[in-house]
């Protein structure tokens, strides 16, 4: 993913599950998570980032994307199913 400025996203490492204090391991973990996120569809990646990195509720995500809450949950489920094997 890229920000509007064209710069790549830098994941907030403190939010990455299992984040370590070792800077090299943190960088490697961040790179793995970013690579896995890029394997998702845009719709899946969008809801994952909003839910897990922006810490938005299902309702907030639905409002922001003009989607029913059920659709948000469905996309999150599909994204998590796909991320599991990629991050294992």
C-alpha atoms as a PDB file:
ATOM      1  CA  UNK A   1       0.000   0.000   0.000  1.00  0.00           C
ATOM      2  CA  UNK A   2       1.095   3.526  -0.552  1.00  0.00           C
ATOM      3  CA  UNK A   3       0.072   6.762   1.076  1.00  0.00           C
ATOM      4  CA  UNK A   4      -1.371   9.540  -1.078  1.00  0.00           C
ATOM      5  CA  UNK A   5       2.128  11.024  -1.284  1.00  0.00           C
ATOM      6  CA  UNK A   6       3.323   7.868  -3.051  1.00  0.00           C
ATOM      7  CA  UNK A   7       5.461   6.800  -0.095  1.00  0.00           C
ATOM      8  CA  UNK A   8       5.099   3.162   1.034  1.00  0.00           C
ATOM      9  CA  UNK A   9       3.129   2.515   4.184  1.00  0.00           C
ATOM     10  CA  UNK A  10       5.208   2.082   7.297  1.00  0.00           C
ATOM     11  CA  UNK A  11       3.331  -0.175   9.658  1.00  0.00           C
ATOM     12  CA  UNK A  12       3.145   0.882  13.285  1.00  0.00           C
ATOM     13  CA  UNK A  13       5.325  -1.897  14.637  1.00  0.00           C
ATOM     14  CA  UNK A  14       3.936  -1.654  18.152  1.00  0.00           C
ATOM     15  CA  UNK A  15       0.612  -2.843  16.743  1.00  0.00           C
ATOM     16  CA  UNK A  16       2.050  -5.903  15.031  1.00  0.00           C
ATOM     17  CA  UNK A  17       1.265  -8.970  17.102  1.00  0.00           C
ATOM     18  CA  UNK A  18       4.374 -10.538  18.561  1.00  0.00           C
ATOM     19  CA  UNK A  19       6.440  -7.410  17.934  1.00  0.00           C
ATOM     20  CA  UNK A  20       9.900  -7.696  19.380  1.00  0.00           C
ATOM     21  CA  UNK A  21      12.195  -5.042  20.779  1.00  0.00           C
ATOM     22  CA  UNK A  22      15.044  -6.087  18.483  1.00  0.00           C
ATOM     23  CA  UNK A  23      15.069  -3.538  15.628  1.00  0.00           C
ATOM     24  CA  UNK A  24      16.225  -6.069  13.030  1.00  0.00           C
ATOM     25  CA  UNK A  25      13.507  -8.565  13.953  1.00  0.00           C
ATOM     26  CA  UNK A  26      10.929  -5.769  14.027  1.00  0.00           C
ATOM     27  CA  UNK A  27      11.938  -4.641  10.545  1.00  0.00           C
ATOM     28  CA  UNK A  28      11.749  -8.213   9.234  1.00  0.00           C
ATOM     29  CA  UNK A  29       8.328  -8.733  10.807  1.00  0.00           C
ATOM     30  CA  UNK A  30       7.064  -5.456   9.396  1.00  0.00           C
ATOM     31  CA  UNK A  31       8.309  -6.417   5.930  1.00  0.00           C
ATOM     32  CA  UNK A  32       6.561  -9.820   6.163  1.00  0.00           C
ATOM     33  CA  UNK A  33       3.282  -8.241   7.263  1.00  0.00           C
ATOM     34  CA  UNK A  34       3.457  -5.619   4.519  1.00  0.00           C
ATOM     35  CA  UNK A  35       4.202  -8.269   1.890  1.00  0.00           C
ATOM     36  CA  UNK A  36       1.271 -10.373   3.130  1.00  0.00           C
ATOM     37  CA  UNK A  37      -1.051  -7.366   3.066  1.00  0.00           C
ATOM     38  CA  UNK A  38      -0.099  -6.701  -0.536  1.00  0.00           C
ATOM     39  CA  UNK A  39      -1.322 -10.217  -1.443  1.00  0.00           C
ATOM     40  CA  UNK A  40      -4.857  -9.235  -0.416  1.00  0.00           C
ATOM     41  CA  UNK A  41      -7.367  -7.589  -2.701  1.00  0.00           C
ATOM     42  CA  UNK A  42      -7.683  -3.838  -2.251  1.00  0.00           C
ATOM     43  CA  UNK A  43     -11.062  -4.269  -0.529  1.00  0.00           C
ATOM     44  CA  UNK A  44      -9.640  -6.817   1.928  1.00  0.00           C
ATOM     45  CA  UNK A  45      -6.499  -4.787   2.614  1.00  0.00           C
ATOM     46  CA  UNK A  46      -8.551  -1.649   3.181  1.00  0.00           C
ATOM     47  CA  UNK A  47     -10.696  -3.166   5.944  1.00  0.00           C
ATOM     48  CA  UNK A  48      -7.733  -4.928   7.590  1.00  0.00           C
ATOM     49  CA  UNK A  49      -5.767  -1.681   7.799  1.00  0.00           C
ATOM     50  CA  UNK A  50      -8.730   0.258   9.137  1.00  0.00           C
ATOM     51  CA  UNK A  51      -9.617  -2.396  11.712  1.00  0.00           C
ATOM     52  CA  UNK A  52      -6.202  -3.488  12.953  1.00  0.00           C
ATOM     53  CA  UNK A  53      -3.973  -0.477  12.378  1.00  0.00           C
ATOM     54  CA  UNK A  54      -6.393   2.452  12.589  1.00  0.00           C
ATOM     55  CA  UNK A  55      -8.331   0.532  15.290  1.00  0.00           C
ATOM     56  CA  UNK A  56     -11.718   1.491  13.869  1.00  0.00           C
ATOM     57  CA  UNK A  57     -14.892  -0.350  14.858  1.00  0.00           C
ATOM     58  CA  UNK A  58     -16.942  -2.306  12.318  1.00  0.00           C
ATOM     59  CA  UNK A  59     -19.503   0.485  12.370  1.00  0.00           C
ATOM     60  CA  UNK A  60     -16.867   3.174  11.815  1.00  0.00           C
ATOM     61  CA  UNK A  61     -15.373   1.247   8.901  1.00  0.00           C
ATOM     62  CA  UNK A  62     -18.810   0.784   7.364  1.00  0.00           C
ATOM     63  CA  UNK A  63     -19.542   4.496   7.685  1.00  0.00           C
ATOM     64  CA  UNK A  64     -16.147   5.476   6.251  1.00  0.00           C
ATOM     65  CA  UNK A  65     -16.501   3.143   3.261  1.00  0.00           C
ATOM     66  CA  UNK A  66     -20.287   3.443   2.831  1.00  0.00           C
ATOM     67  CA  UNK A  67     -20.696  -0.283   3.410  1.00  0.00           C
ATOM     68  CA  UNK A  68     -23.088  -2.298   5.552  1.00  0.00           C
ATOM     69  CA  UNK A  69     -21.471  -3.640   8.728  1.00  0.00           C
ATOM     70  CA  UNK A  70     -22.118  -7.197   7.492  1.00  0.00           C
ATOM     71  CA  UNK A  71     -20.008  -6.514   4.385  1.00  0.00           C
ATOM     72  CA  UNK A  72     -17.190  -5.153   6.542  1.00  0.00           C
ATOM     73  CA  UNK A  73     -17.247  -8.319   8.662  1.00  0.00           C
ATOM     74  CA  UNK A  74     -17.345 -10.539   5.573  1.00  0.00           C
ATOM     75  CA  UNK A  75     -14.342  -8.791   4.020  1.00  0.00           C
ATOM     76  CA  UNK A  76     -12.420  -8.993   7.285  1.00  0.00           C
ATOM     77  CA  UNK A  77     -13.144 -12.700   7.581  1.00  0.00           C
ATOM     78  CA  UNK A  78     -11.946 -13.350   4.025  1.00  0.00           C
ATOM     79  CA  UNK A  79      -8.847 -11.225   4.556  1.00  0.00           C
ATOM     80  CA  UNK A  80      -7.934 -12.983   7.805  1.00  0.00           C
ATOM     81  CA  UNK A  81      -8.445 -16.381   6.169  1.00  0.00           C
ATOM     82  CA  UNK A  82      -6.041 -15.385   3.433  1.00  0.00           C
ATOM     83  CA  UNK A  83      -3.484 -13.780   5.771  1.00  0.00           C
ATOM     84  CA  UNK A  84      -3.237 -16.840   8.028  1.00  0.00           C
ATOM     85  CA  UNK A  85      -1.241 -19.029   5.640  1.00  0.00           C
ATOM     86  CA  UNK A  86       0.771 -16.076   4.365  1.00  0.00           C
ATOM     87  CA  UNK A  87       2.021 -15.219   7.850  1.00  0.00           C
ATOM     88  CA  UNK A  88       2.375 -18.765   9.201  1.00  0.00           C
END
